[in-house]
Amino acid sequence: MVKKEYIEKFKDFLTSSKVLKALYLFAFTVILTIIIASQNFLFQSIVENGISKKDIIAQKTLSVEDVKRTELHKREVAQKVEPILVPAEDDFIKSNLEILQNSVVQIRKRQPQQMKNYVS
């Protein structure tokens, strides 16, 4: 009788939500650890301290690119793409520059008059 009660309590304990969540977390951690460790173990014979131990052999056939044609194609495509930013209008910049220059001139004209007021 006593054993059955302990078994029932143990079943209830194992099926509680907190214990199940802890078991899921533990299982997930173990799986990730195995995956990461296996990568290191599998590539240990190939790479040591970031340097390859084995020679890398290229394919028998190599494809050669025509650099001039590639650059020409890039330029053609670049000309077809519309710019994202459009330069500001020249009139807008010129008018702002004129306003700024006029303001500077007016400030310079006022300064000698203000200096006379301070001196006297």
N, C-alpha and C. Protein backbone atom coordinates (compact mmCIF):
# COMPACT_ATOMS: atom_id res chain seq x y z
N MET A 1 0.81 -1.19 0.00
CA MET A 1 0.00 0.00 0.00
C MET A 1 0.86 1.27 0.00
N VAL A 2 1.85 1.26 0.87
CA VAL A 2 2.70 2.43 0.99
C VAL A 2 3.50 2.65 -0.30
N LYS A 3 3.93 1.56 -0.92
CA LYS A 3 4.68 1.67 -2.16
C LYS A 3 3.82 2.25 -3.27
N LYS A 4 2.55 1.89 -3.32
CA LYS A 4 1.67 2.42 -4.35
C LYS A 4 1.47 3.91 -4.19
N GLU A 5 1.38 4.39 -2.95
CA GLU A 5 1.21 5.82 -2.70
C GLU A 5 2.46 6.58 -3.15
N TYR A 6 3.63 6.04 -2.85
CA TYR A 6 4.87 6.69 -3.25
C TYR A 6 4.99 6.70 -4.78
N ILE A 7 4.58 5.62 -5.40
CA ILE A 7 4.63 5.55 -6.85
C ILE A 7 3.68 6.57 -7.47
N GLU A 8 2.49 6.72 -6.92
CA GLU A 8 1.52 7.71 -7.42
C GLU A 8 2.05 9.12 -7.23
N LYS A 9 2.63 9.40 -6.06
CA LYS A 9 3.19 10.73 -5.81
C LYS A 9 4.35 11.02 -6.76
N PHE A 10 5.16 10.01 -6.99
CA PHE A 10 6.31 10.18 -7.90
C PHE A 10 5.83 10.44 -9.33
N LYS A 11 4.75 9.75 -9.77
CA LYS A 11 4.17 9.98 -11.08
C LYS A 11 3.63 11.40 -11.19
N ASP A 12 2.92 11.84 -10.14
CA ASP A 12 2.39 13.21 -10.13
C ASP A 12 3.51 14.24 -10.19
N PHE A 13 4.60 13.95 -9.46
CA PHE A 13 5.74 14.86 -9.45
C PHE A 13 6.37 14.94 -10.84
N LEU A 14 6.56 13.81 -11.49
CA LEU A 14 7.19 13.80 -12.81
C LEU A 14 6.33 14.42 -13.88
N THR A 15 5.02 14.34 -13.74
CA THR A 15 4.12 14.89 -14.75
C THR A 15 3.70 16.33 -14.46
N SER A 16 4.21 16.93 -13.40
CA SER A 16 3.86 18.32 -13.12
C SER A 16 4.51 19.22 -14.18
N SER A 17 3.91 20.38 -14.40
CA SER A 17 4.36 21.26 -15.48
C SER A 17 5.77 21.80 -15.25
N LYS A 18 6.12 22.11 -14.01
CA LYS A 18 7.44 22.66 -13.73
C LYS A 18 8.53 21.63 -14.01
N VAL A 19 8.30 20.39 -13.62
CA VAL A 19 9.29 19.34 -13.85
C VAL A 19 9.42 19.06 -15.34
N LEU A 20 8.30 19.04 -16.06
CA LEU A 20 8.35 18.80 -17.49
C LEU A 20 9.11 19.91 -18.22
N LYS A 21 8.88 21.16 -17.80
CA LYS A 21 9.60 22.27 -18.41
C LYS A 21 11.09 22.17 -18.13
N ALA A 22 11.45 21.78 -16.91
CA ALA A 22 12.86 21.61 -16.57
C ALA A 22 13.49 20.48 -17.38
N LEU A 23 12.75 19.39 -17.58
CA LEU A 23 13.26 18.28 -18.39
C LEU A 23 13.43 18.69 -19.86
N TYR A 24 12.48 19.46 -20.38
CA TYR A 24 12.60 19.95 -21.75
C TYR A 24 13.83 20.84 -21.90
N LEU A 25 14.03 21.72 -20.94
CA LEU A 25 15.20 22.60 -20.97
C LEU A 25 16.49 21.79 -20.92
N PHE A 26 16.54 20.81 -20.06
CA PHE A 26 17.72 19.97 -19.94
C PHE A 26 17.97 19.20 -21.24
N ALA A 27 16.92 18.66 -21.82
CA ALA A 27 17.06 17.91 -23.08
C ALA A 27 17.54 18.82 -24.21
N PHE A 28 16.98 20.00 -24.28
CA PHE A 28 17.38 20.98 -25.29
C PHE A 28 18.85 21.35 -25.13
N THR A 29 19.28 21.58 -23.89
CA THR A 29 20.67 21.92 -23.62
C THR A 29 21.60 20.79 -24.01
N VAL A 30 21.22 19.57 -23.69
CA VAL A 30 22.05 18.41 -24.04
C VAL A 30 22.16 18.27 -25.56
N ILE A 31 21.05 18.45 -26.27
CA ILE A 31 21.06 18.32 -27.73
C ILE A 31 21.96 19.38 -28.36
N LEU A 32 21.84 20.63 -27.92
CA LEU A 32 22.69 21.69 -28.46
C LEU A 32 24.15 21.45 -28.16
N THR A 33 24.44 20.98 -26.95
CA THR A 33 25.82 20.69 -26.59
C THR A 33 26.39 19.59 -27.48
N ILE A 34 25.61 18.57 -27.76
CA ILE A 34 26.07 17.48 -28.62
C ILE A 34 26.32 17.99 -30.04
N ILE A 35 25.44 18.84 -30.54
CA ILE A 35 25.61 19.37 -31.90
C ILE A 35 26.88 20.21 -32.00
N ILE A 36 27.08 21.11 -31.04
CA ILE A 36 28.26 21.97 -31.08
C ILE A 36 29.54 21.17 -30.88
N ALA A 37 29.51 20.22 -29.97
CA ALA A 37 30.70 19.40 -29.73
C ALA A 37 31.01 18.52 -30.93
N SER A 38 29.99 18.04 -31.62
CA SER A 38 30.24 17.18 -32.78
C SER A 38 30.90 17.96 -33.91
N GLN A 39 30.55 19.23 -34.07
CA GLN A 39 31.21 20.04 -35.09
C GLN A 39 32.71 20.12 -34.82
N ASN A 40 33.06 20.39 -33.58
CA ASN A 40 34.47 20.48 -33.23
C ASN A 40 35.15 19.14 -33.41
N PHE A 41 34.50 18.07 -33.03
CA PHE A 41 35.09 16.74 -33.13
C PHE A 41 35.26 16.31 -34.58
N LEU A 42 34.25 16.58 -35.42
CA LEU A 42 34.31 16.15 -36.81
C LEU A 42 35.37 16.91 -37.61
N PHE A 43 35.54 18.19 -37.34
CA PHE A 43 36.49 18.99 -38.10
C PHE A 43 37.87 19.04 -37.46
N GLN A 44 38.07 18.31 -36.40
CA GLN A 44 39.34 18.31 -35.71
C GLN A 44 40.44 17.73 -36.61
N SER A 45 40.11 16.75 -37.43
CA SER A 45 41.11 16.14 -38.29
C SER A 45 41.42 17.01 -39.51
N ILE A 46 40.57 17.98 -39.81
CA ILE A 46 40.76 18.82 -40.99
C ILE A 46 41.45 20.14 -40.64
N VAL A 47 41.01 20.76 -39.55
CA VAL A 47 41.51 22.09 -39.20
C VAL A 47 42.15 22.04 -37.82
N GLU A 48 43.31 22.69 -37.73
CA GLU A 48 43.98 22.80 -36.44
C GLU A 48 44.43 24.24 -36.26
N ASN A 49 43.95 24.90 -35.22
CA ASN A 49 44.26 26.31 -34.94
C ASN A 49 43.92 27.21 -36.12
N GLY A 50 42.85 26.90 -36.79
CA GLY A 50 42.41 27.72 -37.90
C GLY A 50 43.17 27.48 -39.19
N ILE A 51 44.08 26.51 -39.22
CA ILE A 51 44.87 26.21 -40.40
C ILE A 51 44.51 24.81 -40.88
N SER A 52 44.31 24.69 -42.17
CA SER A 52 43.92 23.40 -42.74
C SER A 52 45.11 22.44 -42.72
N LYS A 53 44.84 21.21 -42.31
CA LYS A 53 45.88 20.18 -42.30
C LYS A 53 46.00 19.51 -43.66
N LYS A 54 44.94 19.52 -44.43
CA LYS A 54 44.92 18.82 -45.71
C LYS A 54 44.98 19.82 -46.85
N ASP A 55 45.51 19.36 -47.98
CA ASP A 55 45.54 20.19 -49.18
C ASP A 55 44.16 20.24 -49.80
N ILE A 56 43.83 21.39 -50.32
CA ILE A 56 42.55 21.56 -51.00
C ILE A 56 42.82 21.47 -52.49
N ILE A 57 42.15 20.58 -53.17
CA ILE A 57 42.39 20.35 -54.58
C ILE A 57 41.23 20.96 -55.37
N ALA A 58 41.59 21.77 -56.35
CA ALA A 58 40.57 22.43 -57.16
C ALA A 58 40.01 21.47 -58.21
N GLN A 59 38.92 21.85 -58.81
CA GLN A 59 38.32 21.06 -59.87
C GLN A 59 39.24 21.05 -61.09
N LYS A 60 39.03 20.08 -61.96
CA LYS A 60 39.87 19.97 -63.15
C LYS A 60 39.57 21.09 -64.14
N THR A 61 38.32 21.49 -64.22
CA THR A 61 37.95 22.56 -65.15
C THR A 61 37.74 23.84 -64.38
N LEU A 62 38.34 24.89 -64.88
CA LEU A 62 38.19 26.20 -64.27
C LEU A 62 37.48 27.12 -65.25
N SER A 63 36.55 27.91 -64.77
CA SER A 63 35.88 28.88 -65.63
C SER A 63 36.54 30.23 -65.41
N VAL A 64 36.88 30.87 -66.52
CA VAL A 64 37.57 32.16 -66.46
C VAL A 64 36.57 33.23 -66.84
N GLU A 65 36.54 34.27 -66.02
CA GLU A 65 35.64 35.38 -66.30
C GLU A 65 36.34 36.42 -67.16
N ASP A 66 35.57 37.04 -68.02
CA ASP A 66 36.10 38.15 -68.80
C ASP A 66 35.88 39.41 -67.98
N VAL A 67 36.96 39.94 -67.43
CA VAL A 67 36.86 41.07 -66.51
C VAL A 67 36.32 42.30 -67.21
N LYS A 68 36.76 42.55 -68.43
CA LYS A 68 36.32 43.75 -69.15
C LYS A 68 34.82 43.70 -69.43
N ARG A 69 34.33 42.53 -69.86
CA ARG A 69 32.90 42.41 -70.14
C ARG A 69 32.07 42.52 -68.85
N THR A 70 32.61 41.98 -67.76
CA THR A 70 31.90 42.07 -66.48
C THR A 70 31.77 43.53 -66.04
N GLU A 71 32.87 44.27 -66.13
CA GLU A 71 32.84 45.69 -65.75
C GLU A 71 31.90 46.48 -66.66
N LEU A 72 31.92 46.17 -67.95
CA LEU A 72 31.03 46.84 -68.89
C LEU A 72 29.56 46.56 -68.54
N HIS A 73 29.27 45.31 -68.21
CA HIS A 73 27.91 44.94 -67.82
C HIS A 73 27.50 45.65 -66.54
N LYS A 74 28.41 45.76 -65.57
CA LYS A 74 28.11 46.48 -64.33
C LYS A 74 27.75 47.93 -64.62
N ARG A 75 28.53 48.58 -65.49
CA ARG A 75 28.26 49.98 -65.82
C ARG A 75 26.91 50.14 -66.50
N GLU A 76 26.59 49.21 -67.41
CA GLU A 76 25.30 49.29 -68.10
C GLU A 76 24.14 49.15 -67.12
N VAL A 77 24.26 48.23 -66.21
CA VAL A 77 23.20 48.03 -65.21
C VAL A 77 23.11 49.23 -64.29
N ALA A 78 24.25 49.78 -63.89
CA ALA A 78 24.26 50.93 -62.99
C ALA A 78 23.61 52.15 -63.65
N GLN A 79 23.76 52.30 -64.96
CA GLN A 79 23.13 53.43 -65.64
C GLN A 79 21.62 53.30 -65.70
N LYS A 80 21.12 52.07 -65.73
CA LYS A 80 19.68 51.84 -65.80
C LYS A 80 18.98 52.07 -64.47
N VAL A 81 19.71 51.95 -63.36
CA VAL A 81 19.11 52.10 -62.03
C VAL A 81 18.96 53.58 -61.72
N GLU A 82 17.79 53.96 -61.31
CA GLU A 82 17.54 55.37 -60.96
C GLU A 82 18.11 55.66 -59.58
N PRO A 83 18.66 56.85 -59.40
CA PRO A 83 19.24 57.18 -58.10
C PRO A 83 18.17 57.30 -57.02
N ILE A 84 18.54 56.96 -55.81
CA ILE A 84 17.62 57.05 -54.69
C ILE A 84 17.53 58.49 -54.21
N LEU A 85 18.67 59.13 -54.08
CA LEU A 85 18.71 60.52 -53.66
C LEU A 85 18.94 61.41 -54.87
N VAL A 86 18.13 62.42 -55.00
CA VAL A 86 18.26 63.36 -56.11
C VAL A 86 18.89 64.63 -55.55
N PRO A 87 19.89 65.18 -56.24
CA PRO A 87 20.52 66.40 -55.73
C PRO A 87 19.51 67.54 -55.63
N ALA A 88 19.76 68.41 -54.68
CA ALA A 88 18.86 69.54 -54.47
C ALA A 88 18.94 70.48 -55.67
N GLU A 89 17.90 71.26 -55.84
CA GLU A 89 17.85 72.20 -56.96
C GLU A 89 18.88 73.30 -56.75
N ASP A 90 19.51 73.72 -57.84
CA ASP A 90 20.54 74.75 -57.75
C ASP A 90 19.96 76.08 -57.28
N ASP A 91 18.74 76.39 -57.71
CA ASP A 91 18.13 77.66 -57.32
C ASP A 91 17.94 77.73 -55.81
N PHE A 92 17.55 76.63 -55.21
CA PHE A 92 17.34 76.59 -53.77
C PHE A 92 18.64 76.87 -53.03
N ILE A 93 19.70 76.24 -53.46
CA ILE A 93 21.01 76.42 -52.81
C ILE A 93 21.50 77.84 -53.02
N LYS A 94 21.35 78.35 -54.24
CA LYS A 94 21.81 79.71 -54.54
C LYS A 94 21.06 80.75 -53.71
N SER A 95 19.75 80.58 -53.59
CA SER A 95 18.96 81.56 -52.83
C SER A 95 19.34 81.51 -51.35
N ASN A 96 19.56 80.34 -50.81
CA ASN A 96 19.98 80.25 -49.42
C ASN A 96 21.36 80.86 -49.22
N LEU A 97 22.25 80.68 -50.19
CA LEU A 97 23.59 81.27 -50.11
C LEU A 97 23.51 82.79 -50.15
N GLU A 98 22.67 83.33 -51.01
CA GLU A 98 22.51 84.78 -51.09
C GLU A 98 21.95 85.34 -49.79
N ILE A 99 20.97 84.67 -49.21
CA ILE A 99 20.38 85.12 -47.95
C ILE A 99 21.44 85.10 -46.85
N LEU A 100 22.24 84.08 -46.81
CA LEU A 100 23.29 83.97 -45.81
C LEU A 100 24.34 85.06 -46.00
N GLN A 101 24.73 85.32 -47.24
CA GLN A 101 25.72 86.37 -47.51
C GLN A 101 25.18 87.74 -47.13
N ASN A 102 23.92 87.99 -47.43
CA ASN A 102 23.30 89.27 -47.06
C ASN A 102 23.25 89.44 -45.55
N SER A 103 22.96 88.35 -44.84
CA SER A 103 22.91 88.42 -43.39
C SER A 103 24.30 88.71 -42.82
N VAL A 104 25.31 88.12 -43.38
CA VAL A 104 26.68 88.36 -42.91
C VAL A 104 27.07 89.81 -43.16
N VAL A 105 26.73 90.33 -44.31
CA VAL A 105 27.04 91.73 -44.65
C VAL A 105 26.33 92.67 -43.68
N GLN A 106 25.09 92.43 -43.38
CA GLN A 106 24.34 93.28 -42.45
C GLN A 106 24.95 93.24 -41.05
N ILE A 107 25.37 92.06 -40.62
CA ILE A 107 25.98 91.93 -39.29
C ILE A 107 27.29 92.70 -39.25
N ARG A 108 28.07 92.62 -40.30
CA ARG A 108 29.35 93.34 -40.34
C ARG A 108 29.13 94.86 -40.34
N LYS A 109 28.08 95.33 -40.99
CA LYS A 109 27.78 96.76 -41.00
C LYS A 109 27.36 97.23 -39.61
N ARG A 110 26.66 96.43 -38.86
CA ARG A 110 26.19 96.82 -37.53
C ARG A 110 27.31 96.81 -36.50
N GLN A 111 28.29 95.98 -36.66
CA GLN A 111 29.34 95.84 -35.65
C GLN A 111 30.12 97.13 -35.41
N PRO A 112 30.55 97.88 -36.43
CA PRO A 112 31.28 99.13 -36.13
C PRO A 112 30.41 100.14 -35.38
N GLN A 113 29.13 100.18 -35.68
CA GLN A 113 28.24 101.10 -34.97
C GLN A 113 28.11 100.70 -33.51
N GLN A 114 28.02 99.40 -33.23
CA GLN A 114 27.90 98.94 -31.85
C GLN A 114 29.20 99.17 -31.10
N MET A 115 30.32 99.05 -31.77
CA MET A 115 31.61 99.28 -31.12
C MET A 115 31.74 100.74 -30.70
N LYS A 116 31.24 101.67 -31.51
CA LYS A 116 31.28 103.08 -31.16
C LYS A 116 30.46 103.33 -29.91
N ASN A 117 29.32 102.64 -29.77
CA ASN A 117 28.48 102.81 -28.60
C ASN A 117 29.19 102.32 -27.34
N TYR A 118 29.97 101.28 -27.45
CA TYR A 118 30.67 100.74 -26.29
C TYR A 118 31.86 101.62 -25.89
N VAL A 119 32.50 102.23 -26.86
CA VAL A 119 33.67 103.04 -26.58
C VAL A 119 33.26 104.33 -25.90
N SER A 120 32.21 104.97 -26.32
CA SER A 120 31.83 106.25 -25.77
C SER A 120 31.02 106.12 -24.53
